[in-house]
Amino acid sequence: MFKHEKQLFHPVGVEGPNPQYAALLQEQLGGGNGELKAAMQYMAQSFRIKDQEIKDLFLDIAAEELGHLEMIAQTINLLNGHDVDAYKVPAGEIQTHVQIGLCPGLINASGYSWTGDYVTVTGDLCADLLSNIASEQRAKVTYENLYRQINDKKVRETIDFLLNREEAHNAMFRKAFNKVQNTGSNRDFGTTKAARMYFSMSEPSPSDEFKKINVEPVSFR
């Protein structure tokens, strides 16, 4: 069961309209590394999890990501501080003017629709956790790029908050992975001698730092 609290997860604001930047921010609403993708991925993955503590973790983070989605949508609304009029916006806003009346849409910064193909579910907890760790890291990179392209202090404050929450989720998923890293595909496979070999195919050979993972170097030269 879910319920809607009539307040944002964190306050948002803008110093002034910036419809071009609103189009960029659409990436975190309907893009492949955005908040909707994260919410749907963690929720879908949770359905098969038997460890109740980890299941709750997935659902709690999924619910928070929906809160982030609401924050991004409201920020886009504030940045689109004008009526439907594509002539006022020289780039990036045509679809929102023509099809959805400036409503924050489930589209990315290029106007392509959100798709369930963004969501990764394997049914293997180790694989899903590693995918989620990578998802949080990619979302963080996207937010960092967005942060650099706006001088609006209030928008930057919102992005900074979201950046820090991505890092928090990343740490939570890493902790969960440490708990289950010897289960599932990590237990059933990857246990033969071949799983511990390092194939040295570079000239000159990479630093020994890459070989310190309990691997047996094999050279073809």
N, C-alpha and C. Protein backbone atom coordinates (compact mmCIF):
# COMPACT_ATOMS: atom_id res chain seq x y z
N MET A 1 0.84 -1.18 0.00
CA MET A 1 0.00 0.00 0.00
C MET A 1 0.89 1.24 0.00
N PHE A 2 0.48 2.24 -0.73
CA PHE A 2 1.20 3.51 -0.76
C PHE A 2 0.22 4.63 -0.40
N LYS A 3 0.77 5.69 0.16
CA LYS A 3 -0.07 6.86 0.41
C LYS A 3 0.71 8.11 0.02
N HIS A 4 -0.02 9.14 -0.36
CA HIS A 4 0.60 10.38 -0.79
C HIS A 4 0.58 11.39 0.33
N GLU A 5 1.76 11.81 0.78
CA GLU A 5 1.87 12.90 1.74
C GLU A 5 1.81 14.22 0.97
N LYS A 6 0.98 15.15 1.43
CA LYS A 6 0.78 16.39 0.68
C LYS A 6 1.89 17.40 0.96
N GLN A 7 3.12 16.93 0.82
CA GLN A 7 4.28 17.81 0.90
C GLN A 7 5.40 17.16 0.11
N LEU A 8 6.30 17.97 -0.42
CA LEU A 8 7.41 17.43 -1.17
C LEU A 8 8.41 16.77 -0.21
N PHE A 9 9.15 15.81 -0.73
CA PHE A 9 10.17 15.12 0.06
C PHE A 9 11.20 16.13 0.58
N HIS A 10 11.46 17.16 -0.24
CA HIS A 10 12.38 18.24 0.12
C HIS A 10 11.90 19.47 -0.64
N PRO A 11 11.92 20.66 -0.01
CA PRO A 11 11.42 21.85 -0.71
C PRO A 11 12.21 22.14 -1.99
N VAL A 12 11.53 22.67 -3.01
CA VAL A 12 12.19 23.06 -4.25
C VAL A 12 11.81 24.51 -4.58
N GLY A 13 12.62 25.13 -5.40
CA GLY A 13 12.34 26.50 -5.82
C GLY A 13 13.25 26.88 -6.98
N VAL A 14 12.97 28.00 -7.59
CA VAL A 14 13.82 28.53 -8.66
C VAL A 14 13.95 30.03 -8.46
N GLU A 15 15.06 30.59 -8.92
CA GLU A 15 15.24 32.03 -8.86
C GLU A 15 14.47 32.73 -9.98
N GLY A 16 14.21 31.98 -11.06
CA GLY A 16 13.46 32.55 -12.17
C GLY A 16 13.22 31.51 -13.25
N PRO A 17 12.31 31.78 -14.18
CA PRO A 17 12.03 30.83 -15.26
C PRO A 17 13.27 30.54 -16.11
N ASN A 18 13.36 29.32 -16.59
CA ASN A 18 14.46 28.92 -17.46
C ASN A 18 13.98 27.70 -18.26
N PRO A 19 13.12 27.91 -19.26
CA PRO A 19 12.52 26.77 -19.97
C PRO A 19 13.53 25.90 -20.70
N GLN A 20 14.64 26.49 -21.14
CA GLN A 20 15.66 25.65 -21.79
C GLN A 20 16.22 24.63 -20.80
N TYR A 21 16.46 25.08 -19.58
CA TYR A 21 16.99 24.16 -18.57
C TYR A 21 15.92 23.16 -18.14
N ALA A 22 14.66 23.57 -18.17
CA ALA A 22 13.58 22.63 -17.86
C ALA A 22 13.63 21.43 -18.80
N ALA A 23 13.96 21.71 -20.06
CA ALA A 23 14.07 20.61 -21.03
C ALA A 23 15.21 19.67 -20.68
N LEU A 24 16.33 20.22 -20.19
CA LEU A 24 17.44 19.37 -19.76
C LEU A 24 17.05 18.51 -18.56
N LEU A 25 16.33 19.12 -17.62
CA LEU A 25 15.96 18.42 -16.39
C LEU A 25 14.98 17.28 -16.65
N GLN A 26 14.29 17.32 -17.81
CA GLN A 26 13.40 16.21 -18.18
C GLN A 26 14.14 14.87 -18.17
N GLU A 27 15.46 14.90 -18.35
CA GLU A 27 16.24 13.66 -18.37
C GLU A 27 16.07 12.88 -17.08
N GLN A 28 15.95 13.61 -15.95
CA GLN A 28 15.83 12.92 -14.68
C GLN A 28 14.38 12.59 -14.32
N LEU A 29 13.46 13.00 -15.18
CA LEU A 29 12.06 12.60 -15.02
C LEU A 29 11.78 11.35 -15.85
N GLY A 30 12.13 11.40 -17.13
CA GLY A 30 11.78 10.29 -18.02
C GLY A 30 12.93 9.66 -18.75
N GLY A 31 14.15 9.86 -18.26
CA GLY A 31 15.32 9.31 -18.93
C GLY A 31 15.76 7.96 -18.37
N GLY A 32 16.74 7.38 -19.01
CA GLY A 32 17.21 6.05 -18.67
C GLY A 32 17.93 5.95 -17.33
N ASN A 33 18.35 7.09 -16.78
CA ASN A 33 18.97 7.12 -15.46
C ASN A 33 18.16 7.96 -14.47
N GLY A 34 16.89 8.19 -14.81
CA GLY A 34 16.06 9.10 -14.04
C GLY A 34 15.35 8.47 -12.86
N GLU A 35 14.54 9.28 -12.22
CA GLU A 35 13.88 8.87 -10.98
C GLU A 35 12.78 7.84 -11.20
N LEU A 36 12.02 7.95 -12.30
CA LEU A 36 10.98 6.97 -12.57
C LEU A 36 11.60 5.60 -12.84
N LYS A 37 12.68 5.58 -13.61
CA LYS A 37 13.37 4.31 -13.87
C LYS A 37 13.80 3.66 -12.56
N ALA A 38 14.40 4.45 -11.65
CA ALA A 38 14.88 3.90 -10.39
C ALA A 38 13.73 3.35 -9.56
N ALA A 39 12.64 4.12 -9.45
CA ALA A 39 11.50 3.68 -8.65
C ALA A 39 10.92 2.37 -9.18
N MET A 40 10.73 2.29 -10.48
CA MET A 40 10.14 1.09 -11.08
C MET A 40 11.09 -0.11 -10.99
N GLN A 41 12.39 0.16 -11.14
CA GLN A 41 13.35 -0.95 -11.09
C GLN A 41 13.40 -1.56 -9.70
N TYR A 42 13.53 -0.74 -8.67
CA TYR A 42 13.66 -1.27 -7.32
C TYR A 42 12.35 -1.93 -6.87
N MET A 43 11.23 -1.38 -7.28
CA MET A 43 9.95 -1.97 -6.91
C MET A 43 9.77 -3.33 -7.59
N ALA A 44 10.07 -3.38 -8.90
CA ALA A 44 9.92 -4.63 -9.63
C ALA A 44 10.85 -5.71 -9.09
N GLN A 45 12.06 -5.32 -8.74
CA GLN A 45 13.01 -6.29 -8.20
C GLN A 45 12.55 -6.83 -6.84
N SER A 46 11.85 -6.03 -6.08
CA SER A 46 11.48 -6.42 -4.72
C SER A 46 10.47 -7.56 -4.68
N PHE A 47 9.72 -7.74 -5.75
CA PHE A 47 8.59 -8.68 -5.72
C PHE A 47 9.01 -10.12 -5.40
N ARG A 48 10.25 -10.48 -5.74
CA ARG A 48 10.70 -11.86 -5.57
C ARG A 48 11.65 -12.03 -4.37
N ILE A 49 12.01 -10.94 -3.71
CA ILE A 49 13.01 -11.02 -2.63
C ILE A 49 12.41 -11.67 -1.39
N LYS A 50 13.12 -12.67 -0.86
CA LYS A 50 12.63 -13.40 0.31
C LYS A 50 13.16 -12.82 1.62
N ASP A 51 14.33 -12.19 1.58
CA ASP A 51 14.89 -11.55 2.77
C ASP A 51 14.08 -10.28 3.05
N GLN A 52 13.29 -10.29 4.13
CA GLN A 52 12.35 -9.20 4.37
C GLN A 52 13.05 -7.87 4.58
N GLU A 53 14.21 -7.88 5.22
CA GLU A 53 14.94 -6.64 5.46
C GLU A 53 15.38 -6.00 4.14
N ILE A 54 15.89 -6.81 3.23
CA ILE A 54 16.34 -6.28 1.94
C ILE A 54 15.14 -5.90 1.08
N LYS A 55 14.07 -6.70 1.15
CA LYS A 55 12.85 -6.36 0.41
C LYS A 55 12.34 -4.98 0.83
N ASP A 56 12.31 -4.74 2.16
CA ASP A 56 11.87 -3.44 2.67
C ASP A 56 12.80 -2.33 2.19
N LEU A 57 14.10 -2.61 2.15
CA LEU A 57 15.05 -1.62 1.67
C LEU A 57 14.74 -1.21 0.24
N PHE A 58 14.50 -2.19 -0.63
CA PHE A 58 14.18 -1.91 -2.03
C PHE A 58 12.91 -1.06 -2.13
N LEU A 59 11.88 -1.44 -1.37
CA LEU A 59 10.61 -0.73 -1.46
C LEU A 59 10.70 0.67 -0.85
N ASP A 60 11.47 0.82 0.23
CA ASP A 60 11.65 2.13 0.84
C ASP A 60 12.36 3.08 -0.12
N ILE A 61 13.41 2.59 -0.78
CA ILE A 61 14.14 3.44 -1.72
C ILE A 61 13.28 3.73 -2.94
N ALA A 62 12.51 2.74 -3.40
CA ALA A 62 11.60 2.96 -4.53
C ALA A 62 10.61 4.07 -4.20
N ALA A 63 10.05 4.03 -2.99
CA ALA A 63 9.09 5.06 -2.58
C ALA A 63 9.75 6.43 -2.53
N GLU A 64 10.99 6.48 -2.04
CA GLU A 64 11.70 7.76 -2.01
C GLU A 64 11.95 8.28 -3.41
N GLU A 65 12.27 7.37 -4.34
CA GLU A 65 12.51 7.80 -5.72
C GLU A 65 11.25 8.43 -6.33
N LEU A 66 10.08 7.93 -5.96
CA LEU A 66 8.84 8.56 -6.41
C LEU A 66 8.73 9.98 -5.84
N GLY A 67 9.19 10.16 -4.60
CA GLY A 67 9.23 11.50 -4.03
C GLY A 67 10.19 12.41 -4.79
N HIS A 68 11.32 11.84 -5.23
CA HIS A 68 12.27 12.62 -6.04
C HIS A 68 11.64 12.99 -7.39
N LEU A 69 10.88 12.06 -7.94
CA LEU A 69 10.19 12.32 -9.21
C LEU A 69 9.28 13.53 -9.07
N GLU A 70 8.57 13.60 -7.96
CA GLU A 70 7.66 14.72 -7.71
C GLU A 70 8.45 16.02 -7.58
N MET A 71 9.62 15.97 -6.93
CA MET A 71 10.46 17.16 -6.80
C MET A 71 10.93 17.67 -8.16
N ILE A 72 11.36 16.74 -9.02
CA ILE A 72 11.83 17.12 -10.35
C ILE A 72 10.68 17.72 -11.17
N ALA A 73 9.52 17.09 -11.10
CA ALA A 73 8.36 17.59 -11.86
C ALA A 73 7.99 19.00 -11.42
N GLN A 74 8.00 19.24 -10.11
CA GLN A 74 7.64 20.57 -9.62
C GLN A 74 8.69 21.61 -10.03
N THR A 75 9.96 21.21 -10.03
CA THR A 75 11.02 22.13 -10.47
C THR A 75 10.86 22.47 -11.94
N ILE A 76 10.52 21.47 -12.75
CA ILE A 76 10.28 21.72 -14.18
C ILE A 76 9.11 22.68 -14.36
N ASN A 77 8.05 22.50 -13.57
CA ASN A 77 6.91 23.41 -13.63
C ASN A 77 7.33 24.85 -13.34
N LEU A 78 8.15 25.02 -12.31
CA LEU A 78 8.60 26.36 -11.94
C LEU A 78 9.50 26.97 -13.01
N LEU A 79 10.35 26.14 -13.61
CA LEU A 79 11.24 26.62 -14.66
C LEU A 79 10.47 26.99 -15.92
N ASN A 80 9.39 26.27 -16.18
CA ASN A 80 8.52 26.59 -17.33
C ASN A 80 7.55 27.70 -16.93
N GLY A 81 8.08 28.85 -16.57
CA GLY A 81 7.24 29.92 -16.05
C GLY A 81 6.60 30.75 -17.14
N HIS A 82 5.98 30.11 -18.11
CA HIS A 82 5.34 30.83 -19.21
C HIS A 82 4.18 30.00 -19.73
N ASP A 83 3.37 30.59 -20.56
CA ASP A 83 2.26 29.85 -21.17
C ASP A 83 2.76 29.09 -22.39
N VAL A 84 1.88 28.24 -22.93
CA VAL A 84 2.24 27.49 -24.13
C VAL A 84 2.50 28.48 -25.27
N ASP A 85 3.74 28.55 -25.68
CA ASP A 85 4.14 29.46 -26.75
C ASP A 85 5.55 29.09 -27.18
N ALA A 86 5.66 28.20 -28.15
CA ALA A 86 6.96 27.69 -28.57
C ALA A 86 7.88 28.78 -29.10
N TYR A 87 7.31 29.89 -29.54
CA TYR A 87 8.14 30.97 -30.08
C TYR A 87 8.99 31.63 -28.99
N LYS A 88 8.58 31.46 -27.72
CA LYS A 88 9.35 32.02 -26.62
C LYS A 88 10.54 31.13 -26.25
N VAL A 89 10.55 29.93 -26.78
CA VAL A 89 11.58 28.97 -26.39
C VAL A 89 12.28 28.48 -27.64
N PRO A 90 13.48 28.96 -27.92
CA PRO A 90 14.13 28.65 -29.19
C PRO A 90 14.58 27.20 -29.37
N ALA A 91 14.71 26.43 -28.27
CA ALA A 91 15.20 25.05 -28.43
C ALA A 91 14.69 24.18 -27.29
N GLY A 92 14.47 22.91 -27.61
CA GLY A 92 14.27 21.90 -26.59
C GLY A 92 12.88 21.71 -26.04
N GLU A 93 11.91 22.52 -26.46
CA GLU A 93 10.62 22.47 -25.81
C GLU A 93 9.45 22.17 -26.74
N ILE A 94 9.71 21.85 -27.97
CA ILE A 94 8.63 21.72 -28.95
C ILE A 94 7.60 20.69 -28.53
N GLN A 95 8.03 19.51 -28.11
CA GLN A 95 7.08 18.45 -27.77
C GLN A 95 6.18 18.84 -26.61
N THR A 96 6.75 19.49 -25.58
CA THR A 96 5.92 19.84 -24.44
C THR A 96 4.92 20.94 -24.78
N HIS A 97 5.24 21.77 -25.77
CA HIS A 97 4.29 22.79 -26.19
C HIS A 97 3.16 22.21 -27.05
N VAL A 98 3.51 21.24 -27.87
CA VAL A 98 2.54 20.72 -28.85
C VAL A 98 1.67 19.61 -28.27
N GLN A 99 2.26 18.72 -27.48
CA GLN A 99 1.54 17.50 -27.07
C GLN A 99 1.01 17.52 -25.65
N ILE A 100 1.75 18.11 -24.71
CA ILE A 100 1.36 17.93 -23.30
C ILE A 100 1.21 19.25 -22.54
N GLY A 101 1.11 20.34 -23.26
CA GLY A 101 0.78 21.61 -22.63
C GLY A 101 1.69 22.01 -21.48
N LEU A 102 2.99 21.78 -21.65
CA LEU A 102 4.02 22.11 -20.66
C LEU A 102 3.97 21.25 -19.40
N CYS A 103 3.12 20.25 -19.38
CA CYS A 103 3.13 19.33 -18.25
C CYS A 103 4.46 18.57 -18.23
N PRO A 104 5.11 18.45 -17.08
CA PRO A 104 6.32 17.62 -17.02
C PRO A 104 5.97 16.21 -17.50
N GLY A 105 6.57 15.80 -18.59
CA GLY A 105 6.18 14.54 -19.23
C GLY A 105 7.14 13.41 -18.95
N LEU A 106 6.69 12.20 -19.21
CA LEU A 106 7.55 11.03 -19.05
C LEU A 106 8.38 10.86 -20.31
N ILE A 107 9.19 11.89 -20.56
CA ILE A 107 10.10 11.92 -21.70
C ILE A 107 11.46 12.37 -21.21
N ASN A 108 12.50 12.04 -22.01
CA ASN A 108 13.83 12.48 -21.63
C ASN A 108 14.13 13.85 -22.24
N ALA A 109 15.37 14.29 -22.13
CA ALA A 109 15.74 15.63 -22.60
C ALA A 109 15.65 15.76 -24.11
N SER A 110 15.61 14.64 -24.82
CA SER A 110 15.49 14.66 -26.28
C SER A 110 14.06 14.46 -26.75
N GLY A 111 13.12 14.29 -25.82
CA GLY A 111 11.72 14.12 -26.17
C GLY A 111 11.29 12.69 -26.39
N TYR A 112 12.19 11.73 -26.13
CA TYR A 112 11.82 10.32 -26.30
C TYR A 112 11.10 9.80 -25.07
N SER A 113 10.08 8.98 -25.28
CA SER A 113 9.24 8.50 -24.18
C SER A 113 9.97 7.54 -23.27
N TRP A 114 9.60 7.61 -21.98
CA TRP A 114 10.10 6.64 -21.02
C TRP A 114 9.64 5.24 -21.43
N THR A 115 10.48 4.25 -21.16
CA THR A 115 10.14 2.87 -21.52
C THR A 115 10.56 1.91 -20.42
N GLY A 116 9.79 0.85 -20.28
CA GLY A 116 10.13 -0.19 -19.32
C GLY A 116 11.42 -0.91 -19.67
N ASP A 117 11.92 -0.71 -20.88
CA ASP A 117 13.20 -1.31 -21.26
C ASP A 117 14.35 -0.75 -20.42
N TYR A 118 14.14 0.40 -19.78
CA TYR A 118 15.17 0.95 -18.89
C TYR A 118 15.36 0.10 -17.64
N VAL A 119 14.32 -0.67 -17.27
CA VAL A 119 14.30 -1.38 -16.00
C VAL A 119 15.00 -2.73 -16.13
N THR A 120 15.89 -3.00 -15.18
CA THR A 120 16.64 -4.26 -15.15
C THR A 120 16.19 -5.12 -13.97
N VAL A 121 15.69 -6.31 -14.27
CA VAL A 121 15.30 -7.27 -13.24
C VAL A 121 15.81 -8.63 -13.68
N THR A 122 16.61 -9.29 -12.83
CA THR A 122 17.15 -10.61 -13.18
C THR A 122 16.62 -11.72 -12.28
N GLY A 123 16.07 -11.37 -11.10
CA GLY A 123 15.66 -12.39 -10.16
C GLY A 123 16.81 -12.91 -9.31
N ASP A 124 18.02 -12.46 -9.61
CA ASP A 124 19.20 -12.84 -8.83
C ASP A 124 19.59 -11.62 -7.99
N LEU A 125 19.57 -11.77 -6.68
CA LEU A 125 19.74 -10.62 -5.80
C LEU A 125 21.10 -9.95 -5.97
N CYS A 126 22.14 -10.76 -6.14
CA CYS A 126 23.48 -10.18 -6.33
C CYS A 126 23.52 -9.35 -7.61
N ALA A 127 23.01 -9.90 -8.70
CA ALA A 127 23.03 -9.19 -9.97
C ALA A 127 22.19 -7.92 -9.90
N ASP A 128 21.02 -8.00 -9.26
CA ASP A 128 20.15 -6.83 -9.16
C ASP A 128 20.77 -5.74 -8.29
N LEU A 129 21.41 -6.14 -7.20
CA LEU A 129 22.06 -5.15 -6.34
C LEU A 129 23.21 -4.45 -7.06
N LEU A 130 24.01 -5.22 -7.80
CA LEU A 130 25.10 -4.60 -8.57
C LEU A 130 24.54 -3.65 -9.62
N SER A 131 23.43 -4.03 -10.24
CA SER A 131 22.78 -3.16 -11.23
C SER A 131 22.29 -1.87 -10.57
N ASN A 132 21.76 -1.99 -9.34
CA ASN A 132 21.26 -0.82 -8.64
C ASN A 132 22.39 0.12 -8.20
N ILE A 133 23.49 -0.47 -7.77
CA ILE A 133 24.66 0.34 -7.42
C ILE A 133 25.12 1.14 -8.63
N ALA A 134 25.17 0.48 -9.78
CA ALA A 134 25.56 1.17 -11.02
C ALA A 134 24.53 2.23 -11.41
N SER A 135 23.24 1.93 -11.22
CA SER A 135 22.17 2.88 -11.55
C SER A 135 22.30 4.15 -10.73
N GLU A 136 22.54 3.99 -9.43
CA GLU A 136 22.69 5.16 -8.56
C GLU A 136 23.92 5.99 -8.97
N GLN A 137 24.98 5.31 -9.36
CA GLN A 137 26.19 6.03 -9.77
C GLN A 137 25.95 6.79 -11.07
N ARG A 138 25.23 6.18 -12.02
CA ARG A 138 24.93 6.87 -13.28
C ARG A 138 24.01 8.06 -13.05
N ALA A 139 23.03 7.90 -12.15
CA ALA A 139 22.13 9.02 -11.83
C ALA A 139 22.92 10.16 -11.20
N LYS A 140 23.88 9.81 -10.36
CA LYS A 140 24.71 10.84 -9.72
C LYS A 140 25.51 11.62 -10.77
N VAL A 141 26.06 10.90 -11.75
CA VAL A 141 26.82 11.56 -12.82
C VAL A 141 25.90 12.51 -13.60
N THR A 142 24.68 12.05 -13.90
CA THR A 142 23.74 12.91 -14.64
C THR A 142 23.43 14.17 -13.85
N TYR A 143 23.19 14.02 -12.55
CA TYR A 143 22.92 15.20 -11.72
C TYR A 143 24.13 16.13 -11.66
N GLU A 144 25.33 15.55 -11.62
CA GLU A 144 26.53 16.39 -11.61
C GLU A 144 26.61 17.22 -12.90
N ASN A 145 26.29 16.59 -14.03
CA ASN A 145 26.30 17.32 -15.30
C ASN A 145 25.24 18.41 -15.32
N LEU A 146 24.06 18.10 -14.77
CA LEU A 146 23.00 19.10 -14.70
C LEU A 146 23.38 20.26 -13.78
N TYR A 147 24.04 19.94 -12.68
CA TYR A 147 24.45 20.96 -11.71
C TYR A 147 25.38 21.98 -12.37
N ARG A 148 26.29 21.49 -13.20
CA ARG A 148 27.28 22.37 -13.83
C ARG A 148 26.67 23.32 -14.85
N GLN A 149 25.45 23.03 -15.30
CA GLN A 149 24.87 23.80 -16.40
C GLN A 149 23.78 24.78 -15.96
N ILE A 150 23.75 25.07 -14.66
CA ILE A 150 22.75 26.02 -14.14
C ILE A 150 23.40 26.85 -13.05
N ASN A 151 23.13 28.14 -13.04
CA ASN A 151 23.63 29.03 -11.99
C ASN A 151 22.57 29.38 -10.96
N ASP A 152 21.34 28.96 -11.21
CA ASP A 152 20.23 29.23 -10.30
C ASP A 152 20.51 28.53 -8.96
N LYS A 153 20.68 29.32 -7.89
CA LYS A 153 21.08 28.76 -6.60
C LYS A 153 20.03 27.82 -6.02
N LYS A 154 18.77 28.11 -6.24
CA LYS A 154 17.71 27.26 -5.69
C LYS A 154 17.64 25.93 -6.42
N VAL A 155 17.81 25.96 -7.74
CA VAL A 155 17.84 24.70 -8.49
C VAL A 155 19.06 23.88 -8.10
N ARG A 156 20.19 24.57 -7.94
CA ARG A 156 21.41 23.87 -7.51
C ARG A 156 21.23 23.23 -6.14
N GLU A 157 20.51 23.89 -5.25
CA GLU A 157 20.26 23.32 -3.93
C GLU A 157 19.44 22.02 -4.04
N THR A 158 18.45 22.03 -4.92
CA THR A 158 17.65 20.81 -5.13
C THR A 158 18.52 19.70 -5.70
N ILE A 159 19.32 20.02 -6.71
CA ILE A 159 20.17 19.00 -7.32
C ILE A 159 21.20 18.47 -6.33
N ASP A 160 21.75 19.36 -5.51
CA ASP A 160 22.72 18.94 -4.50
C ASP A 160 22.09 17.96 -3.51
N PHE A 161 20.85 18.24 -3.10
CA PHE A 161 20.15 17.32 -2.20
C PHE A 161 19.97 15.95 -2.87
N LEU A 162 19.53 15.96 -4.12
CA LEU A 162 19.29 14.70 -4.83
C LEU A 162 20.59 13.94 -5.05
N LEU A 163 21.67 14.66 -5.34
CA LEU A 163 22.98 14.03 -5.48
C LEU A 163 23.36 13.27 -4.21
N ASN A 164 23.15 13.91 -3.08
CA ASN A 164 23.51 13.28 -1.81
C ASN A 164 22.62 12.08 -1.51
N ARG A 165 21.36 12.12 -1.92
CA ARG A 165 20.48 10.97 -1.71
C ARG A 165 20.88 9.80 -2.62
N GLU A 166 21.35 10.10 -3.83
CA GLU A 166 21.84 9.02 -4.70
C GLU A 166 23.03 8.32 -4.03
N GLU A 167 23.91 9.12 -3.43
CA GLU A 167 25.06 8.54 -2.74
C GLU A 167 24.62 7.69 -1.55
N ALA A 168 23.59 8.16 -0.83
CA ALA A 168 23.07 7.40 0.31
C ALA A 168 22.50 6.05 -0.15
N HIS A 169 21.73 6.08 -1.23
CA HIS A 169 21.16 4.82 -1.77
C HIS A 169 22.27 3.89 -2.23
N ASN A 170 23.29 4.45 -2.84
CA ASN A 170 24.43 3.65 -3.30
C ASN A 170 25.05 2.92 -2.12
N ALA A 171 25.26 3.63 -1.02
CA ALA A 171 25.85 3.02 0.18
C ALA A 171 24.95 1.93 0.75
N MET A 172 23.63 2.16 0.75
CA MET A 172 22.68 1.16 1.26
C MET A 172 22.72 -0.11 0.43
N PHE A 173 22.75 0.05 -0.90
CA PHE A 173 22.80 -1.11 -1.77
C PHE A 173 24.13 -1.86 -1.63
N ARG A 174 25.22 -1.12 -1.45
CA ARG A 174 26.52 -1.79 -1.25
C ARG A 174 26.53 -2.60 0.04
N LYS A 175 25.92 -2.03 1.07
CA LYS A 175 25.84 -2.76 2.35
C LYS A 175 25.02 -4.03 2.19
N ALA A 176 23.90 -3.94 1.47
CA ALA A 176 23.07 -5.12 1.23
C ALA A 176 23.82 -6.16 0.41
N PHE A 177 24.60 -5.69 -0.59
CA PHE A 177 25.37 -6.62 -1.41
C PHE A 177 26.40 -7.36 -0.55
N ASN A 178 27.05 -6.66 0.36
CA ASN A 178 28.04 -7.32 1.24
C ASN A 178 27.39 -8.42 2.06
N LYS A 179 26.11 -8.24 2.38
CA LYS A 179 25.39 -9.24 3.18
C LYS A 179 25.10 -10.50 2.38
N VAL A 180 24.88 -10.38 1.08
CA VAL A 180 24.40 -11.52 0.28
C VAL A 180 25.38 -11.92 -0.83
N GLN A 181 26.61 -11.38 -0.80
CA GLN A 181 27.50 -11.54 -1.95
C GLN A 181 27.90 -12.98 -2.24
N ASN A 182 27.70 -13.89 -1.31
CA ASN A 182 28.04 -15.30 -1.55
C ASN A 182 26.80 -16.15 -1.79
N THR A 183 25.74 -15.54 -2.30
CA THR A 183 24.50 -16.27 -2.57
C THR A 183 24.20 -16.23 -4.07
N GLY A 184 23.15 -16.94 -4.47
CA GLY A 184 22.68 -16.89 -5.85
C GLY A 184 23.76 -17.24 -6.86
N SER A 185 23.86 -16.45 -7.92
CA SER A 185 24.82 -16.73 -8.98
C SER A 185 26.25 -16.65 -8.46
N ASN A 186 26.48 -15.89 -7.40
CA ASN A 186 27.83 -15.81 -6.83
C ASN A 186 28.20 -17.07 -6.07
N ARG A 187 27.20 -17.85 -5.67
CA ARG A 187 27.47 -19.12 -4.99
C ARG A 187 27.50 -20.27 -5.98
N ASP A 188 26.58 -20.26 -6.94
CA ASP A 188 26.41 -21.40 -7.83
C ASP A 188 27.46 -21.47 -8.93
N PHE A 189 27.99 -20.32 -9.34
CA PHE A 189 28.94 -20.29 -10.44
C PHE A 189 30.14 -19.43 -10.05
N GLY A 190 31.15 -19.40 -10.90
CA GLY A 190 32.32 -18.61 -10.60
C GLY A 190 33.20 -19.22 -9.53
N THR A 191 33.16 -20.56 -9.39
CA THR A 191 33.92 -21.21 -8.32
C THR A 191 35.04 -22.08 -8.86
N THR A 192 35.20 -22.17 -10.19
CA THR A 192 36.26 -22.99 -10.76
C THR A 192 37.56 -22.20 -10.89
N LYS A 193 38.61 -22.89 -11.28
CA LYS A 193 39.92 -22.25 -11.47
C LYS A 193 39.83 -21.11 -12.48
N ALA A 194 39.00 -21.27 -13.50
CA ALA A 194 38.87 -20.25 -14.54
C ALA A 194 38.37 -18.93 -13.98
N ALA A 195 37.63 -18.97 -12.86
CA ALA A 195 37.10 -17.75 -12.26
C ALA A 195 38.18 -16.94 -11.55
N ARG A 196 39.38 -17.54 -11.39
CA ARG A 196 40.44 -16.87 -10.65
C ARG A 196 41.64 -16.55 -11.53
N MET A 197 41.45 -16.62 -12.84
CA MET A 197 42.56 -16.36 -13.77
C MET A 197 42.53 -14.92 -14.27
N TYR A 198 43.70 -14.33 -14.41
CA TYR A 198 43.85 -13.02 -15.03
C TYR A 198 44.60 -13.23 -16.33
N PHE A 199 43.98 -12.87 -17.46
CA PHE A 199 44.61 -13.05 -18.76
C PHE A 199 45.36 -11.77 -19.13
N SER A 200 46.68 -11.85 -19.15
CA SER A 200 47.52 -10.69 -19.45
C SER A 200 47.70 -10.57 -20.95
N MET A 201 46.95 -9.67 -21.56
CA MET A 201 46.97 -9.51 -23.02
C MET A 201 47.47 -8.13 -23.43
N SER A 202 47.98 -7.36 -22.48
CA SER A 202 48.42 -6.00 -22.78
C SER A 202 49.94 -5.92 -22.81
N GLU A 203 50.44 -5.00 -23.61
CA GLU A 203 51.87 -4.77 -23.72
C GLU A 203 52.14 -3.28 -23.65
N PRO A 204 52.79 -2.77 -22.61
CA PRO A 204 53.29 -3.54 -21.46
C PRO A 204 52.15 -4.01 -20.56
N SER A 205 52.46 -4.96 -19.71
CA SER A 205 51.44 -5.56 -18.85
C SER A 205 50.91 -4.54 -17.84
N PRO A 206 49.61 -4.63 -17.50
CA PRO A 206 49.05 -3.71 -16.50
C PRO A 206 49.77 -3.85 -15.15
N SER A 207 49.59 -2.85 -14.33
CA SER A 207 50.17 -2.86 -12.99
C SER A 207 49.68 -4.07 -12.21
N ASP A 208 50.53 -4.52 -11.27
CA ASP A 208 50.16 -5.68 -10.46
C ASP A 208 48.95 -5.40 -9.58
N GLU A 209 48.54 -4.12 -9.44
CA GLU A 209 47.37 -3.80 -8.64
C GLU A 209 46.13 -4.53 -9.14
N PHE A 210 46.05 -4.74 -10.46
CA PHE A 210 44.88 -5.39 -11.03
C PHE A 210 44.92 -6.91 -10.81
N LYS A 211 46.03 -7.42 -10.32
CA LYS A 211 46.17 -8.86 -10.17
C LYS A 211 46.05 -9.29 -8.70
N LYS A 212 45.74 -8.37 -7.83
CA LYS A 212 45.69 -8.66 -6.40
C LYS A 212 44.29 -9.06 -5.94
N ILE A 213 43.53 -9.74 -6.78
CA ILE A 213 42.17 -10.13 -6.43
C ILE A 213 42.09 -11.65 -6.36
N ASN A 214 43.16 -12.26 -5.83
CA ASN A 214 43.21 -13.71 -5.71
C ASN A 214 43.05 -14.37 -7.08
N VAL A 215 43.78 -13.84 -8.07
CA VAL A 215 43.71 -14.41 -9.41
C VAL A 215 45.04 -14.99 -9.81
N GLU A 216 45.01 -15.89 -10.74
CA GLU A 216 46.20 -16.56 -11.24
C GLU A 216 46.51 -16.02 -12.63
N PRO A 217 47.63 -15.26 -12.79
CA PRO A 217 47.91 -14.66 -14.11
C PRO A 217 48.23 -15.71 -15.17
N VAL A 218 47.67 -15.49 -16.35
CA VAL A 218 47.94 -16.36 -17.50
C VAL A 218 48.34 -15.46 -18.65
N SER A 219 49.46 -15.76 -19.30
CA SER A 219 49.94 -14.93 -20.40
C SER A 219 49.91 -15.71 -21.71
N PHE A 220 49.56 -15.02 -22.81
CA PHE A 220 49.56 -15.64 -24.12
C PHE A 220 50.78 -15.24 -24.93
N ARG A 221 51.73 -14.47 -24.34
CA ARG A 221 52.89 -14.02 -25.07
C ARG A 221 54.06 -14.98 -24.84
